[in-house]
């Protein structure tokens, strides 16, 4: 799991997904990451442990 700033090249917000018929811009979104590069310092936890963090 990594932190990716929204203004990083390759980050695209596809759509806002409603949750229990409620839309919230800061809520649940479908996001596409294409060829996105982030520094290793943006890694949360240990490499390979993203599922445990989620």
N, C-alpha and C. Protein backbone atom coordinates (compact mmCIF):
# COMPACT_ATOMS: atom_id res chain seq x y z
N UNK A 1 0.85 -1.15 0.00
CA UNK A 1 0.00 0.00 0.00
C UNK A 1 0.91 1.23 0.00
N UNK A 2 0.58 2.20 -0.85
CA UNK A 2 1.39 3.41 -0.97
C UNK A 2 0.50 4.65 -0.94
N UNK A 3 1.10 5.76 -0.61
CA UNK A 3 0.42 7.05 -0.70
C UNK A 3 0.75 7.64 -2.07
N UNK A 4 -0.29 7.97 -2.84
CA UNK A 4 -0.10 8.54 -4.17
C UNK A 4 -0.84 9.87 -4.24
N UNK A 5 -0.11 10.97 -4.36
CA UNK A 5 -0.78 12.27 -4.50
C UNK A 5 -1.66 12.29 -5.75
N UNK A 6 -2.83 12.91 -5.67
CA UNK A 6 -3.78 12.91 -6.78
C UNK A 6 -3.26 13.64 -8.02
N UNK A 7 -2.27 14.53 -7.87
CA UNK A 7 -1.74 15.25 -9.04
C UNK A 7 -0.57 14.52 -9.70
N UNK A 8 -0.32 13.26 -9.28
CA UNK A 8 0.74 12.46 -9.88
C UNK A 8 0.34 12.07 -11.30
N UNK A 9 1.26 12.23 -12.29
CA UNK A 9 0.94 11.81 -13.66
C UNK A 9 0.53 10.33 -13.71
N UNK A 10 -0.58 10.06 -14.40
CA UNK A 10 -1.06 8.69 -14.53
C UNK A 10 -2.22 8.35 -13.61
N UNK A 11 -2.57 9.25 -12.68
CA UNK A 11 -3.69 9.02 -11.77
C UNK A 11 -4.94 9.63 -12.40
N UNK A 12 -5.97 8.81 -12.59
CA UNK A 12 -7.22 9.28 -13.18
C UNK A 12 -8.38 8.81 -12.31
N UNK A 13 -9.24 9.76 -11.90
CA UNK A 13 -10.47 9.40 -11.19
C UNK A 13 -11.52 9.13 -12.25
N UNK A 14 -12.00 7.89 -12.31
CA UNK A 14 -12.95 7.48 -13.34
C UNK A 14 -14.36 7.90 -12.97
N UNK A 15 -14.77 7.59 -11.75
CA UNK A 15 -16.13 7.92 -11.33
C UNK A 15 -16.26 7.85 -9.82
N UNK A 16 -17.26 8.53 -9.32
CA UNK A 16 -17.61 8.48 -7.91
C UNK A 16 -18.59 7.33 -7.74
N UNK A 17 -18.38 6.49 -6.75
CA UNK A 17 -19.23 5.32 -6.52
C UNK A 17 -20.13 5.60 -5.31
N UNK A 18 -21.42 5.45 -5.50
CA UNK A 18 -22.33 5.69 -4.38
C UNK A 18 -22.27 4.55 -3.37
N UNK A 19 -22.44 4.91 -2.13
CA UNK A 19 -22.49 3.94 -1.04
C UNK A 19 -23.81 4.17 -0.32
N UNK A 20 -24.66 3.17 -0.37
CA UNK A 20 -26.00 3.26 0.21
C UNK A 20 -26.74 4.47 -0.36
N UNK A 21 -26.64 4.65 -1.68
CA UNK A 21 -27.31 5.71 -2.44
C UNK A 21 -26.83 7.11 -2.06
N UNK A 22 -25.62 7.23 -1.50
CA UNK A 22 -25.05 8.52 -1.15
C UNK A 22 -23.77 8.74 -1.92
N UNK A 23 -23.66 9.89 -2.61
CA UNK A 23 -22.43 10.23 -3.33
C UNK A 23 -21.65 11.25 -2.51
N UNK A 24 -20.37 11.02 -2.38
CA UNK A 24 -19.51 11.92 -1.62
C UNK A 24 -18.20 12.08 -2.39
N UNK A 25 -17.85 13.31 -2.83
CA UNK A 25 -16.64 13.50 -3.63
C UNK A 25 -15.37 12.98 -2.95
N UNK A 26 -15.30 13.06 -1.65
CA UNK A 26 -14.12 12.57 -0.93
C UNK A 26 -14.30 11.13 -0.47
N UNK A 27 -15.35 10.48 -0.93
CA UNK A 27 -15.66 9.13 -0.48
C UNK A 27 -15.07 8.04 -1.34
N UNK A 28 -15.90 7.18 -1.89
CA UNK A 28 -15.47 6.02 -2.65
C UNK A 28 -15.42 6.35 -4.14
N UNK A 29 -14.26 6.14 -4.74
CA UNK A 29 -14.07 6.44 -6.15
C UNK A 29 -13.39 5.29 -6.86
N UNK A 30 -13.67 5.17 -8.16
CA UNK A 30 -12.93 4.25 -9.01
C UNK A 30 -11.75 5.06 -9.56
N UNK A 31 -10.53 4.60 -9.30
CA UNK A 31 -9.32 5.31 -9.70
C UNK A 31 -8.45 4.38 -10.53
N UNK A 32 -7.94 4.89 -11.65
CA UNK A 32 -7.04 4.13 -12.51
C UNK A 32 -5.63 4.68 -12.32
N UNK A 33 -4.67 3.78 -12.14
CA UNK A 33 -3.26 4.15 -12.02
C UNK A 33 -2.53 3.55 -13.21
N UNK A 34 -2.05 4.40 -14.12
CA UNK A 34 -1.34 3.94 -15.33
C UNK A 34 0.09 4.46 -15.31
N UNK A 35 1.04 3.54 -15.21
CA UNK A 35 2.46 3.89 -15.21
C UNK A 35 2.79 4.94 -14.15
N UNK A 36 2.15 4.85 -13.00
CA UNK A 36 2.38 5.79 -11.91
C UNK A 36 3.65 5.39 -11.16
N UNK A 37 4.49 6.37 -10.91
CA UNK A 37 5.73 6.13 -10.17
C UNK A 37 5.70 6.99 -8.91
N UNK A 38 5.94 6.36 -7.78
CA UNK A 38 5.99 7.07 -6.51
C UNK A 38 7.28 6.68 -5.79
N UNK A 39 7.81 7.58 -4.95
CA UNK A 39 9.04 7.25 -4.24
C UNK A 39 8.80 6.16 -3.19
N UNK A 40 9.83 5.38 -2.92
CA UNK A 40 9.73 4.30 -1.93
C UNK A 40 9.36 4.86 -0.55
N UNK A 41 9.64 6.13 -0.30
CA UNK A 41 9.28 6.75 0.99
C UNK A 41 7.76 6.85 1.17
N UNK A 42 6.98 6.68 0.08
CA UNK A 42 5.52 6.70 0.18
C UNK A 42 4.93 5.34 0.54
N UNK A 43 5.77 4.34 0.73
CA UNK A 43 5.31 3.00 1.10
C UNK A 43 4.81 3.01 2.54
N UNK A 44 3.63 2.43 2.75
CA UNK A 44 3.08 2.32 4.11
C UNK A 44 3.38 0.92 4.62
N UNK A 45 4.07 0.82 5.72
CA UNK A 45 4.41 -0.50 6.27
C UNK A 45 5.53 -1.14 5.48
N UNK A 46 5.59 -2.46 5.53
CA UNK A 46 6.64 -3.22 4.85
C UNK A 46 6.21 -3.66 3.46
N UNK A 47 7.17 -3.77 2.55
CA UNK A 47 6.89 -4.23 1.19
C UNK A 47 6.23 -5.62 1.26
N UNK A 48 5.12 -5.77 0.53
CA UNK A 48 4.41 -7.04 0.50
C UNK A 48 3.35 -7.19 1.58
N UNK A 49 3.18 -6.20 2.46
CA UNK A 49 2.21 -6.33 3.55
C UNK A 49 0.97 -5.46 3.34
N UNK A 50 0.73 -5.00 2.10
CA UNK A 50 -0.38 -4.12 1.81
C UNK A 50 -1.74 -4.73 2.13
N UNK A 51 -1.91 -6.03 1.86
CA UNK A 51 -3.19 -6.68 2.13
C UNK A 51 -3.50 -6.66 3.63
N UNK A 52 -2.49 -6.89 4.45
CA UNK A 52 -2.69 -6.87 5.91
C UNK A 52 -3.08 -5.47 6.37
N UNK A 53 -2.53 -4.43 5.75
CA UNK A 53 -2.87 -3.07 6.11
C UNK A 53 -4.30 -2.72 5.73
N UNK A 54 -4.73 -3.23 4.58
CA UNK A 54 -6.08 -2.93 4.10
C UNK A 54 -7.12 -3.54 5.02
